[in-house]
C-alpha atoms as a PDB file:
ATOM      1  CA  MET A   1      75.787  33.900 112.684  1.00  0.00           C
ATOM      2  CA  SER A   2      78.492  35.377 111.429  1.00  0.00           C
ATOM      3  CA  GLU A   3      76.901  36.868 108.317  1.00  0.00           C
ATOM      4  CA  ALA A   4      75.236  39.441 110.423  1.00  0.00           C
ATOM      5  CA  PHE A   5      78.570  40.949 111.152  1.00  0.00           C
ATOM      6  CA  GLU A   6      79.883  40.544 107.468  1.00  0.00           C
ATOM      7  CA  ARG A   7      76.570  42.315 106.622  1.00  0.00           C
ATOM      8  CA  ALA A   8      76.723  45.087 108.540  1.00  0.00           C
ATOM      9  CA  ILE A   9      80.809  45.920 107.550  1.00  0.00           C
ATOM     10  CA  ALA A  10      79.333  45.725 104.085  1.00  0.00           C
ATOM     11  CA  ALA A  11      76.634  48.113 104.524  1.00  0.00           C
ATOM     12  CA  PHE A  12      79.082  50.700 106.229  1.00  0.00           C
ATOM     13  CA  GLU A  13      80.595  53.538 104.429  1.00  0.00           C
ATOM     14  CA  PRO A  14      82.772  56.111 105.674  1.00  0.00           C
ATOM     15  CA  ALA A  15      81.652  59.874 104.444  1.00  0.00           C
ATOM     16  CA  HIS A  16      85.473  60.886 105.065  1.00  0.00           C
ATOM     17  CA  TRP A  17      88.668  59.211 105.368  1.00  0.00           C
ATOM     18  CA  PRO A  18      91.197  57.876 106.786  1.00  0.00           C
ATOM     19  CA  LEU A  19      88.869  55.838 109.154  1.00  0.00           C
ATOM     20  CA  ALA A  20      89.710  56.173 113.070  1.00  0.00           C
ATOM     21  CA  VAL A  21      88.276  52.295 115.149  1.00  0.00           C
ATOM     22  CA  GLY A  22      87.737  52.775 118.613  1.00  0.00           C
ATOM     23  CA  PHE A  23      89.781  50.007 119.649  1.00  0.00           C
ATOM     24  CA  SER A  24      89.534  48.790 123.550  1.00  0.00           C
ATOM     25  CA  GLY A  25      91.330  45.699 122.746  1.00  0.00           C
ATOM     26  CA  GLY A  26      88.046  43.787 123.573  1.00  0.00           C
ATOM     27  CA  ALA A  27      86.394  41.326 121.079  1.00  0.00           C
ATOM     28  CA  ASP A  28      84.129  44.031 119.809  1.00  0.00           C
ATOM     29  CA  SER A  29      86.468  46.200 118.660  1.00  0.00           C
ATOM     30  CA  THR A  30      89.037  44.231 117.633  1.00  0.00           C
ATOM     31  CA  ALA A  31      86.546  42.287 115.394  1.00  0.00           C
ATOM     32  CA  LEU A  32      85.275  45.438 114.186  1.00  0.00           C
ATOM     33  CA  LEU A  33      89.410  47.305 113.386  1.00  0.00           C
ATOM     34  CA  ALA A  34      90.233  43.658 111.735  1.00  0.00           C
ATOM     35  CA  ALA A  35      87.105  44.067 109.190  1.00  0.00           C
ATOM     36  CA  CYS A  36      87.722  47.816 108.220  1.00  0.00           C
ATOM     37  CA  VAL A  37      91.433  46.828 108.105  1.00  0.00           C
ATOM     38  CA  ALA A  38      90.657  43.968 105.913  1.00  0.00           C
ATOM     39  CA  ARG A  39      88.021  45.852 103.476  1.00  0.00           C
ATOM     40  CA  TRP A  40      90.005  49.691 103.322  1.00  0.00           C
ATOM     41  CA  PRO A  41      93.871  48.710 104.011  1.00  0.00           C
ATOM     42  CA  GLY A  42      96.017  51.619 104.529  1.00  0.00           C
ATOM     43  CA  GLN A  43      92.973  54.003 105.052  1.00  0.00           C
ATOM     44  CA  VAL A  44      92.500  52.945 109.259  1.00  0.00           C
ATOM     45  CA  VAL A  45      94.099  53.834 112.435  1.00  0.00           C
ATOM     46  CA  ALA A  46      93.023  52.794 115.441  1.00  0.00           C
ATOM     47  CA  PHE A  47      92.522  54.704 118.775  1.00  0.00           C
ATOM     48  CA  HIS A  48      93.297  53.494 122.268  1.00  0.00           C
ATOM     49  CA  VAL A  49      92.047  55.263 125.381  1.00  0.00           C
ATOM     50  CA  HIS A  50      93.995  54.733 128.570  1.00  0.00           C
ATOM     51  CA  HIS A  51      91.506  55.108 130.856  1.00  0.00           C
ATOM     52  CA  GLY A  52      93.747  54.874 133.808  1.00  0.00           C
ATOM     53  CA  LEU A  53      91.148  53.241 136.289  1.00  0.00           C
ATOM     54  CA  GLN A  54      92.695  49.651 136.708  1.00  0.00           C
ATOM     55  CA  ALA A  55      96.014  48.139 136.970  1.00  0.00           C
ATOM     56  CA  ALA A  56      95.653  46.093 133.989  1.00  0.00           C
ATOM     57  CA  ALA A  57      95.309  49.498 131.748  1.00  0.00           C
ATOM     58  CA  ASP A  58      98.851  48.961 130.765  1.00  0.00           C
ATOM     59  CA  ASP A  59      98.540  45.780 130.052  1.00  0.00           C
ATOM     60  CA  PHE A  60      95.211  46.327 127.555  1.00  0.00           C
ATOM     61  CA  GLU A  61      97.455  49.324 125.710  1.00  0.00           C
ATOM     62  CA  ARG A  62     100.388  46.823 125.433  1.00  0.00           C
ATOM     63  CA  HIS A  63      97.961  44.188 123.889  1.00  0.00           C
ATOM     64  CA  CYS A  64      96.405  46.617 121.794  1.00  0.00           C
ATOM     65  CA  GLY A  65      99.795  47.805 120.525  1.00  0.00           C
ATOM     66  CA  GLU A  66     100.827  43.955 119.719  1.00  0.00           C
ATOM     67  CA  VAL A  67      97.284  43.276 117.601  1.00  0.00           C
ATOM     68  CA  CYS A  68      97.591  46.567 115.767  1.00  0.00           C
ATOM     69  CA  GLU A  69     101.556  45.364 114.846  1.00  0.00           C
ATOM     70  CA  LEU A  70      99.421  42.064 113.678  1.00  0.00           C
ATOM     71  CA  LEU A  71      97.045  43.849 111.386  1.00  0.00           C
ATOM     72  CA  GLY A  72      99.805  46.352 109.933  1.00  0.00           C
ATOM     73  CA  VAL A  73      97.464  49.414 111.755  1.00  0.00           C
ATOM     74  CA  PRO A  74      98.460  52.249 112.955  1.00  0.00           C
ATOM     75  CA  LEU A  75      97.570  53.125 116.747  1.00  0.00           C
ATOM     76  CA  LEU A  76      97.141  56.292 118.644  1.00  0.00           C
ATOM     77  CA  VAL A  77      96.710  56.120 122.322  1.00  0.00           C
ATOM     78  CA  HIS A  78      96.025  58.893 124.805  1.00  0.00           C
ATOM     79  CA  ARG A  79      95.614  58.404 128.326  1.00  0.00           C
ATOM     80  CA  ILE A  80      92.940  60.391 130.450  1.00  0.00           C
ATOM     81  CA  ASP A  81      91.934  60.735 134.005  1.00  0.00           C
ATOM     82  CA  ALA A  82      88.261  58.791 134.215  1.00  0.00           C
ATOM     83  CA  ARG A  83      88.068  59.151 138.059  1.00  0.00           C
ATOM     84  CA  HIS A  84      84.342  60.303 138.814  1.00  0.00           C
ATOM     85  CA  SER A  85      83.703  62.985 141.777  1.00  0.00           C
ATOM     86  CA  PRO A  86      81.295  62.479 144.627  1.00  0.00           C
ATOM     87  CA  GLY A  87      77.620  61.858 143.310  1.00  0.00           C
ATOM     88  CA  ASP A  88      78.602  61.208 139.709  1.00  0.00           C
ATOM     89  CA  SER A  89      77.799  57.923 137.661  1.00  0.00           C
ATOM     90  CA  PRO A  90      81.332  56.482 136.896  1.00  0.00           C
ATOM     91  CA  GLU A  91      79.884  55.353 133.856  1.00  0.00           C
ATOM     92  CA  ASP A  92      79.110  58.357 132.676  1.00  0.00           C
ATOM     93  CA  THR A  93      82.063  59.994 133.812  1.00  0.00           C
ATOM     94  CA  ALA A  94      84.270  57.332 132.055  1.00  0.00           C
ATOM     95  CA  ARG A  95      82.193  57.524 128.792  1.00  0.00           C
ATOM     96  CA  ARG A  96      82.333  61.786 128.468  1.00  0.00           C
ATOM     97  CA  ALA A  97      85.590  61.470 129.302  1.00  0.00           C
ATOM     98  CA  ARG A  98      86.739  58.417 126.440  1.00  0.00           C
ATOM     99  CA  TYR A  99      84.767  61.018 123.894  1.00  0.00           C
ATOM    100  CA  GLU A 100      86.934  63.813 124.932  1.00  0.00           C
ATOM    101  CA  ALA A 101      90.307  61.799 123.999  1.00  0.00           C
ATOM    102  CA  ILE A 102      89.122  60.675 121.216  1.00  0.00           C
ATOM    103  CA  ALA A 103      88.531  64.066 119.476  1.00  0.00           C
ATOM    104  CA  VAL A 104      91.776  65.077 121.108  1.00  0.00           C
ATOM    105  CA  MET A 105      93.265  62.099 118.876  1.00  0.00           C
ATOM    106  CA  ALA A 106      91.188  63.057 115.776  1.00  0.00           C
ATOM    107  CA  ARG A 107      93.058  66.929 116.104  1.00  0.00           C
ATOM    108  CA  MET A 108      96.879  64.805 116.292  1.00  0.00           C
ATOM    109  CA  ASP A 109      99.354  65.943 113.921  1.00  0.00           C
ATOM    110  CA  ALA A 110     100.428  62.341 112.570  1.00  0.00           C
ATOM    111  CA  GLY A 111     101.255  63.037 109.493  1.00  0.00           C
ATOM    112  CA  ARG A 112      98.375  62.133 107.459  1.00  0.00           C
ATOM    113  CA  PRO A 113      94.909  64.345 106.905  1.00  0.00           C
ATOM    114  CA  PRO A 114      92.648  64.856 109.789  1.00  0.00           C
ATOM    115  CA  ILE A 115      90.311  62.325 110.536  1.00  0.00           C
ATOM    116  CA  GLN A 116      86.708  63.054 110.512  1.00  0.00           C
ATOM    117  CA  SER A 117      84.973  59.591 110.582  1.00  0.00           C
ATOM    118  CA  ILE A 118      85.109  57.323 113.794  1.00  0.00           C
ATOM    119  CA  ALA A 119      83.686  54.066 114.109  1.00  0.00           C
ATOM    120  CA  LEU A 120      82.861  52.526 117.259  1.00  0.00           C
ATOM    121  CA  GLY A 121      81.776  48.898 118.433  1.00  0.00           C
ATOM    122  CA  HIS A 122      78.774  49.230 120.132  1.00  0.00           C
ATOM    123  CA  HIS A 123      76.564  46.314 119.442  1.00  0.00           C
ATOM    124  CA  ALA A 124      72.914  45.120 120.047  1.00  0.00           C
ATOM    125  CA  ASP A 125      73.421  44.201 123.398  1.00  0.00           C
ATOM    126  CA  ASP A 126      74.746  47.114 124.022  1.00  0.00           C
ATOM    127  CA  GLN A 127      71.787  48.910 122.434  1.00  0.00           C
ATOM    128  CA  VAL A 128      69.591  47.235 124.305  1.00  0.00           C
ATOM    129  CA  GLU A 129      71.341  47.819 127.619  1.00  0.00           C
ATOM    130  CA  THR A 130      71.256  51.592 126.868  1.00  0.00           C
ATOM    131  CA  LEU A 131      67.675  51.227 126.203  1.00  0.00           C
ATOM    132  CA  LEU A 132      67.052  49.448 129.700  1.00  0.00           C
ATOM    133  CA  LEU A 133      69.056  51.845 131.306  1.00  0.00           C
ATOM    134  CA  ALA A 134      67.006  54.794 129.649  1.00  0.00           C
ATOM    135  CA  LEU A 135      63.990  53.116 130.967  1.00  0.00           C
ATOM    136  CA  SER A 136      65.227  52.597 134.686  1.00  0.00           C
ATOM    137  CA  ARG A 137      65.848  56.455 135.158  1.00  0.00           C
ATOM    138  CA  GLY A 138      62.565  56.983 133.476  1.00  0.00           C
ATOM    139  CA  ALA A 139      64.023  59.145 130.651  1.00  0.00           C
ATOM    140  CA  GLY A 140      62.309  60.899 127.788  1.00  0.00           C
ATOM    141  CA  LEU A 141      62.586  60.115 124.245  1.00  0.00           C
ATOM    142  CA  PRO A 142      66.177  60.948 123.725  1.00  0.00           C
ATOM    143  CA  GLY A 143      67.055  58.277 126.140  1.00  0.00           C
ATOM    144  CA  LEU A 144      64.729  55.631 125.082  1.00  0.00           C
ATOM    145  CA  ALA A 145      65.925  56.868 121.407  1.00  0.00           C
ATOM    146  CA  ALA A 146      69.175  54.694 122.589  1.00  0.00           C
ATOM    147  CA  MET A 147      72.629  55.018 120.887  1.00  0.00           C
ATOM    148  CA  PRO A 148      72.301  56.372 117.025  1.00  0.00           C
ATOM    149  CA  ALA A 149      74.392  54.649 114.302  1.00  0.00           C
ATOM    150  CA  HIS A 150      75.465  57.578 113.412  1.00  0.00           C
ATOM    151  CA  ALA A 151      75.937  61.150 115.489  1.00  0.00           C
ATOM    152  CA  VAL A 152      78.066  64.239 114.889  1.00  0.00           C
ATOM    153  CA  ARG A 153      79.765  64.748 118.175  1.00  0.00           C
ATOM    154  CA  ASN A 154      83.083  67.117 118.561  1.00  0.00           C
ATOM    155  CA  GLY A 155      82.639  67.842 114.742  1.00  0.00           C
ATOM    156  CA  LEU A 156      83.465  64.392 114.524  1.00  0.00           C
ATOM    157  CA  ASP A 157      81.392  61.700 112.059  1.00  0.00           C
ATOM    158  CA  LEU A 158      80.473  58.900 115.013  1.00  0.00           C
ATOM    159  CA  TYR A 159      79.497  55.732 113.118  1.00  0.00           C
ATOM    160  CA  ARG A 160      78.233  52.659 114.789  1.00  0.00           C
ATOM    161  CA  PRO A 161      77.691  49.605 112.121  1.00  0.00           C
ATOM    162  CA  LEU A 162      77.321  46.914 114.381  1.00  0.00           C
ATOM    163  CA  LEU A 163      74.237  47.926 116.356  1.00  0.00           C
ATOM    164  CA  ALA A 164      72.213  45.211 114.718  1.00  0.00           C
ATOM    165  CA  VAL A 165      74.679  42.712 115.098  1.00  0.00           C
ATOM    166  CA  PRO A 166      74.083  40.301 118.415  1.00  0.00           C
ATOM    167  CA  SER A 167      77.350  40.111 120.195  1.00  0.00           C
ATOM    168  CA  ALA A 168      77.586  36.295 120.073  1.00  0.00           C
ATOM    169  CA  ASP A 169      77.680  37.082 116.090  1.00  0.00           C
ATOM    170  CA  ILE A 170      80.455  39.111 116.509  1.00  0.00           C
ATOM    171  CA  ARG A 171      82.737  36.595 118.578  1.00  0.00           C
ATOM    172  CA  GLU A 172      81.792  33.928 115.924  1.00  0.00           C
ATOM    173  CA  TRP A 173      82.957  35.981 113.516  1.00  0.00           C
ATOM    174  CA  LEU A 174      86.571  36.747 115.568  1.00  0.00           C
ATOM    175  CA  ALA A 175      86.777  33.070 116.699  1.00  0.00           C
ATOM    176  CA  THR A 176      87.907  32.368 112.752  1.00  0.00           C
ATOM    177  CA  ARG A 177      90.625  34.591 112.877  1.00  0.00           C
ATOM    178  CA  ASP A 178      93.588  34.172 114.535  1.00  0.00           C
ATOM    179  CA  LEU A 179      93.530  37.242 116.401  1.00  0.00           C
ATOM    180  CA  PRO A 180      93.507  37.885 120.080  1.00  0.00           C
ATOM    181  CA  TRP A 181      91.330  39.966 122.203  1.00  0.00           C
ATOM    182  CA  ILE A 182      91.251  40.574 126.258  1.00  0.00           C
ATOM    183  CA  GLU A 183      87.956  40.410 128.489  1.00  0.00           C
ATOM    184  CA  ASP A 184      87.729  43.508 130.672  1.00  0.00           C
ATOM    185  CA  PRO A 185      87.568  42.331 134.972  1.00  0.00           C
ATOM    186  CA  SER A 186      85.160  45.414 135.178  1.00  0.00           C
ATOM    187  CA  ASN A 187      82.551  43.846 133.027  1.00  0.00           C
ATOM    188  CA  GLY A 188      81.856  41.195 135.998  1.00  0.00           C
ATOM    189  CA  ASP A 189      81.549  43.804 138.233  1.00  0.00           C
ATOM    190  CA  ALA A 190      78.007  43.394 139.502  1.00  0.00           C
ATOM    191  CA  ARG A 191      78.369  47.324 141.042  1.00  0.00           C
ATOM    192  CA  TYR A 192      77.591  48.368 138.081  1.00  0.00           C
ATOM    193  CA  THR A 193      74.176  48.812 136.545  1.00  0.00           C
ATOM    194  CA  ARG A 194      75.076  47.784 133.184  1.00  0.00           C
ATOM    195  CA  ASN A 195      76.710  44.447 134.439  1.00  0.00           C
ATOM    196  CA  ARG A 196      73.964  43.440 136.152  1.00  0.00           C
ATOM    197  CA  ILE A 197      71.905  44.251 133.209  1.00  0.00           C
ATOM    198  CA  ARG A 198      73.920  42.192 131.094  1.00  0.00           C
ATOM    199  CA  ALA A 199      74.399  39.010 133.379  1.00  0.00           C
ATOM    200  CA  VAL A 200      70.896  39.243 134.777  1.00  0.00           C
ATOM    201  CA  LEU A 201      68.368  40.716 132.259  1.00  0.00           C
ATOM    202  CA  LEU A 202      69.551  39.690 128.914  1.00  0.00           C
ATOM    203  CA  PRO A 203      69.324  36.123 129.842  1.00  0.00           C
ATOM    204  CA  ALA A 204      66.184  36.242 130.913  1.00  0.00           C
ATOM    205  CA  LEU A 205      64.824  38.517 127.444  1.00  0.00           C
ATOM    206  CA  ALA A 206      66.120  35.740 125.400  1.00  0.00           C
ATOM    207  CA  GLN A 207      64.334  32.843 127.093  1.00  0.00           C
ATOM    208  CA  ALA A 208      61.218  35.447 127.503  1.00  0.00           C
ATOM    209  CA  PHE A 209      61.166  37.080 123.927  1.00  0.00           C
ATOM    210  CA  PRO A 210      64.132  35.579 121.805  1.00  0.00           C
ATOM    211  CA  GLN A 211      63.525  37.799 118.746  1.00  0.00           C
ATOM    212  CA  PHE A 212      63.971  40.980 121.792  1.00  0.00           C
ATOM    213  CA  ARG A 213      66.951  42.643 120.040  1.00  0.00           C
ATOM    214  CA  ALA A 214      65.412  43.702 117.109  1.00  0.00           C
ATOM    215  CA  THR A 215      62.372  44.633 118.466  1.00  0.00           C
ATOM    216  CA  PHE A 216      63.892  46.682 120.878  1.00  0.00           C
ATOM    217  CA  ALA A 217      66.083  48.286 118.056  1.00  0.00           C
ATOM    218  CA  ARG A 218      62.722  49.181 116.557  1.00  0.00           C
ATOM    219  CA  SER A 219      61.508  50.642 119.384  1.00  0.00           C
ATOM    220  CA  ALA A 220      64.542  52.742 119.891  1.00  0.00           C
ATOM    221  CA  SER A 221      64.064  53.864 116.124  1.00  0.00           C
ATOM    222  CA  HIS A 222      60.991  54.939 116.902  1.00  0.00           C
ATOM    223  CA  ALA A 223      61.568  57.019 119.697  1.00  0.00           C
ATOM    224  CA  ALA A 224      64.629  58.348 117.723  1.00  0.00           C
ATOM    225  CA  GLN A 225      62.252  59.554 115.107  1.00  0.00           C
ATOM    226  CA  ALA A 226      59.766  60.923 117.082  1.00  0.00           C
ATOM    227  CA  GLN A 227      62.280  62.734 119.228  1.00  0.00           C
ATOM    228  CA  GLN A 228      63.465  64.376 116.076  1.00  0.00           C
ATOM    229  CA  LEU A 229      59.839  65.505 114.802  1.00  0.00           C
ATOM    230  CA  LEU A 230      60.023  66.992 118.530  1.00  0.00           C
ATOM    231  CA  ALA A 231      62.997  68.630 118.002  1.00  0.00           C
ATOM    232  CA  GLU A 232      61.867  69.878 114.530  1.00  0.00           C
ATOM    233  CA  LEU A 233      58.810  71.541 116.185  1.00  0.00           C
ATOM    234  CA  ALA A 234      60.737  73.286 118.854  1.00  0.00           C
ATOM    235  CA  VAL A 235      62.540  75.060 116.249  1.00  0.00           C
ATOM    236  CA  GLN A 236      59.425  76.342 114.949  1.00  0.00           C
ATOM    237  CA  ASP A 237      57.911  77.326 118.355  1.00  0.00           C
ATOM    238  CA  LEU A 238      61.501  79.116 119.652  1.00  0.00           C
ATOM    239  CA  GLU A 239      61.157  81.031 116.159  1.00  0.00           C
ATOM    240  CA  ALA A 240      57.535  82.000 117.161  1.00  0.00           C
ATOM    241  CA  VAL A 241      57.744  82.849 121.417  1.00  0.00           C
ATOM    242  CA  GLY A 242      61.698  84.438 120.685  1.00  0.00           C
ATOM    243  CA  GLU A 243      64.830  84.307 122.486  1.00  0.00           C
ATOM    244  CA  PRO A 244      64.611  84.534 125.130  1.00  0.00           C
ATOM    245  CA  PRO A 245      61.139  83.602 124.948  1.00  0.00           C
ATOM    246  CA  ALA A 246      58.224  85.949 125.668  1.00  0.00           C
ATOM    247  CA  ILE A 247      55.703  84.939 128.149  1.00  0.00           C
ATOM    248  CA  GLU A 248      52.544  85.433 126.507  1.00  0.00           C
ATOM    249  CA  ALA A 249      53.754  83.830 123.195  1.00  0.00           C
ATOM    250  CA  LEU A 250      54.814  80.735 125.754  1.00  0.00           C
ATOM    251  CA  GLN A 251      51.011  80.666 127.273  1.00  0.00           C
ATOM    252  CA  ALA A 252      49.297  80.553 123.338  1.00  0.00           C
ATOM    253  CA  LEU A 253      51.009  77.105 123.282  1.00  0.00           C
ATOM    254  CA  SER A 254      49.653  73.666 124.529  1.00  0.00           C
ATOM    255  CA  ARG A 255      51.519  72.635 127.863  1.00  0.00           C
ATOM    256  CA  ALA A 256      53.274  69.891 126.006  1.00  0.00           C
ATOM    257  CA  ARG A 257      54.718  72.051 123.086  1.00  0.00           C
ATOM    258  CA  GLN A 258      56.016  74.713 126.353  1.00  0.00           C
ATOM    259  CA  ALA A 259      57.951  72.159 127.779  1.00  0.00           C
ATOM    260  CA  ASN A 260      58.856  71.016 124.173  1.00  0.00           C
ATOM    261  CA  VAL A 261      60.492  74.291 123.307  1.00  0.00           C
ATOM    262  CA  LEU A 262      61.686  75.129 126.757  1.00  0.00           C
ATOM    263  CA  ARG A 263      63.945  72.610 126.887  1.00  0.00           C
ATOM    264  CA  HIS A 264      64.973  72.920 123.582  1.00  0.00           C
ATOM    265  CA  TRP A 265      65.916  76.980 124.387  1.00  0.00           C
ATOM    266  CA  LEU A 266      67.659  75.731 127.593  1.00  0.00           C
ATOM    267  CA  MET A 267      69.802  73.074 126.001  1.00  0.00           C
ATOM    268  CA  GLN A 268      70.196  75.145 122.660  1.00  0.00           C
ATOM    269  CA  SER A 269      71.114  78.490 124.620  1.00  0.00           C
ATOM    270  CA  HIS A 270      72.751  77.602 127.508  1.00  0.00           C
ATOM    271  CA  GLY A 271      73.937  73.896 127.044  1.00  0.00           C
ATOM    272  CA  CYS A 272      71.556  72.871 130.311  1.00  0.00           C
ATOM    273  CA  ALA A 273      68.718  70.498 130.896  1.00  0.00           C
ATOM    274  CA  PRO A 274      65.696  70.569 133.611  1.00  0.00           C
ATOM    275  CA  SER A 275      64.821  68.260 135.515  1.00  0.00           C
ATOM    276  CA  ALA A 276      61.322  67.238 135.051  1.00  0.00           C
ATOM    277  CA  ALA A 277      60.651  68.420 138.245  1.00  0.00           C
ATOM    278  CA  GLN A 278      61.936  71.536 137.462  1.00  0.00           C
ATOM    279  CA  LEU A 279      60.091  71.526 134.301  1.00  0.00           C
ATOM    280  CA  ASP A 280      56.710  71.525 135.753  1.00  0.00           C
ATOM    281  CA  GLN A 281      57.610  74.273 138.286  1.00  0.00           C
ATOM    282  CA  LEU A 282      58.364  76.453 135.613  1.00  0.00           C
ATOM    283  CA  LEU A 283      55.594  75.340 133.154  1.00  0.00           C
ATOM    284  CA  ASP A 284      53.384  76.360 136.439  1.00  0.00           C
ATOM    285  CA  GLN A 285      54.409  79.589 136.921  1.00  0.00           C
ATOM    286  CA  VAL A 286      54.429  80.137 133.253  1.00  0.00           C
ATOM    287  CA  ARG A 287      50.870  79.385 133.459  1.00  0.00           C
ATOM    288  CA  ALA A 288      50.233  81.382 136.564  1.00  0.00           C
ATOM    289  CA  CYS A 289      51.715  84.608 134.884  1.00  0.00           C
ATOM    290  CA  THR A 290      48.677  86.625 134.425  1.00  0.00           C
ATOM    291  CA  THR A 291      49.632  89.889 135.858  1.00  0.00           C
ATOM    292  CA  ARG A 292      52.217  92.715 135.385  1.00  0.00           C
ATOM    293  CA  GLY A 293      53.333  92.170 138.933  1.00  0.00           C
ATOM    294  CA  HIS A 294      53.515  87.850 138.762  1.00  0.00           C
ATOM    295  CA  ARG A 295      57.227  87.078 140.086  1.00  0.00           C
ATOM    296  CA  ILE A 296      59.237  83.926 138.354  1.00  0.00           C
ATOM    297  CA  HIS A 297      62.421  82.640 140.004  1.00  0.00           C
ATOM    298  CA  LEU A 298      63.130  79.263 139.806  1.00  0.00           C
ATOM    299  CA  LYS A 299      65.924  76.851 139.999  1.00  0.00           C
ATOM    300  CA  VAL A 300      66.464  75.605 136.866  1.00  0.00           C
ATOM    301  CA  ALA A 301      69.791  72.681 136.233  1.00  0.00           C
ATOM    302  CA  GLY A 302      72.653  74.655 137.250  1.00  0.00           C
ATOM    303  CA  GLY A 303      71.186  77.975 137.298  1.00  0.00           C
ATOM    304  CA  PHE A 304      67.649  80.335 137.577  1.00  0.00           C
ATOM    305  CA  ALA A 305      64.992  81.040 135.375  1.00  0.00           C
ATOM    306  CA  GLU A 306      63.538  84.639 135.884  1.00  0.00           C
ATOM    307  CA  ARG A 307      60.577  86.721 134.428  1.00  0.00           C
ATOM    308  CA  ARG A 308      62.523  89.788 133.376  1.00  0.00           C
ATOM    309  CA  GLY A 309      59.347  92.312 131.993  1.00  0.00           C
ATOM    310  CA  ASP A 310      57.333  90.267 129.345  1.00  0.00           C
ATOM    311  CA  ARG A 311      60.095  87.676 128.604  1.00  0.00           C
ATOM    312  CA  LEU A 312      61.607  84.637 130.840  1.00  0.00           C
ATOM    313  CA  HIS A 313      65.590  84.558 131.218  1.00  0.00           C
ATOM    314  CA  TRP A 314      67.896  82.310 132.265  1.00  0.00           C
ATOM    315  CA  TYR A 315      70.953  83.126 134.320  1.00  0.00           C
ATOM    316  CA  ASN A 316      73.677  80.697 135.424  1.00  0.00           C
ATOM    317  CA  ALA A 317      73.997  82.608 138.620  1.00  0.00           C
ATOM    318  CA  PRO A 318      71.547  84.072 140.827  1.00  0.00           C
ATOM    319  CA  PRO A 319      70.869  87.576 139.967  1.00  0.00           C
ATOM    320  CA  SER A 320      71.505  90.599 141.962  1.00  0.00           C
ATOM    321  CA  PRO A 321      68.584  91.538 144.188  1.00  0.00           C
ATOM    322  CA  LYS A 322      68.514  94.957 142.127  1.00  0.00           C
ATOM    323  CA  THR A 323      67.495  93.004 139.315  1.00  0.00           C
END
């Protein structure tokens, strides 16, 4: 079974060197780090993010240091405060903080060339969990595409070479090596949705659909391809409607294309994403805007969409009464 892991490592080829591996000390990142070090000795660095969320966080860091010493690989550690604000998802907050910490470590002057390539240990089970979480939220194509095998974030190339490899295969490969790993106690905490999916849904899916990891991965890949096409169409439509968008030009598009180009415009120009309800309201107002005096002023994401003359504008604060 561990042949799947070895095939994935053999097929992985970063675009830039040196390579950093995100290293939590768990089984998946330990296997990825060990395999990368064996394949590219002297060209690998380990990145460890100290979240500060558990009493065991210092023990995790100490363990990672010991493993890196065994492997002969440099270890960089960055400490963060990953506590979430009221109303925010603790998992999303920790994930955002983790990627920011990776970017910080990549820029550190450690007497080596800057790091651009980062390998992460997400595997097939993680991909299924991500897809199921997206379905539970009623996500659109970007969410259903789950995690890409390669992405650019904060100017870094992020690679996930193990997305087609089940967790059990990774552990089987690691069991043949004399390397310890740690089990994060929070992985058994049923308060986290992802842990409930792992404990309850994945075993049930394995019993009902033994090939679910591969078939779910294909569905995520189809969603990613469809999303890429929508993004390309949005670029073309935004060129046609202008920035900020001309309302009459928007009205010449179908409602679906209006929604697609407005989402793209809001994200690219203002870094915000409307909720489904907000976007529906905005589309209704664009359709109803047939007279010179028709007013549009709607809450959209963290700001407001408003008609100004013949165009649609977005502001991150309410406009003054005189405007």
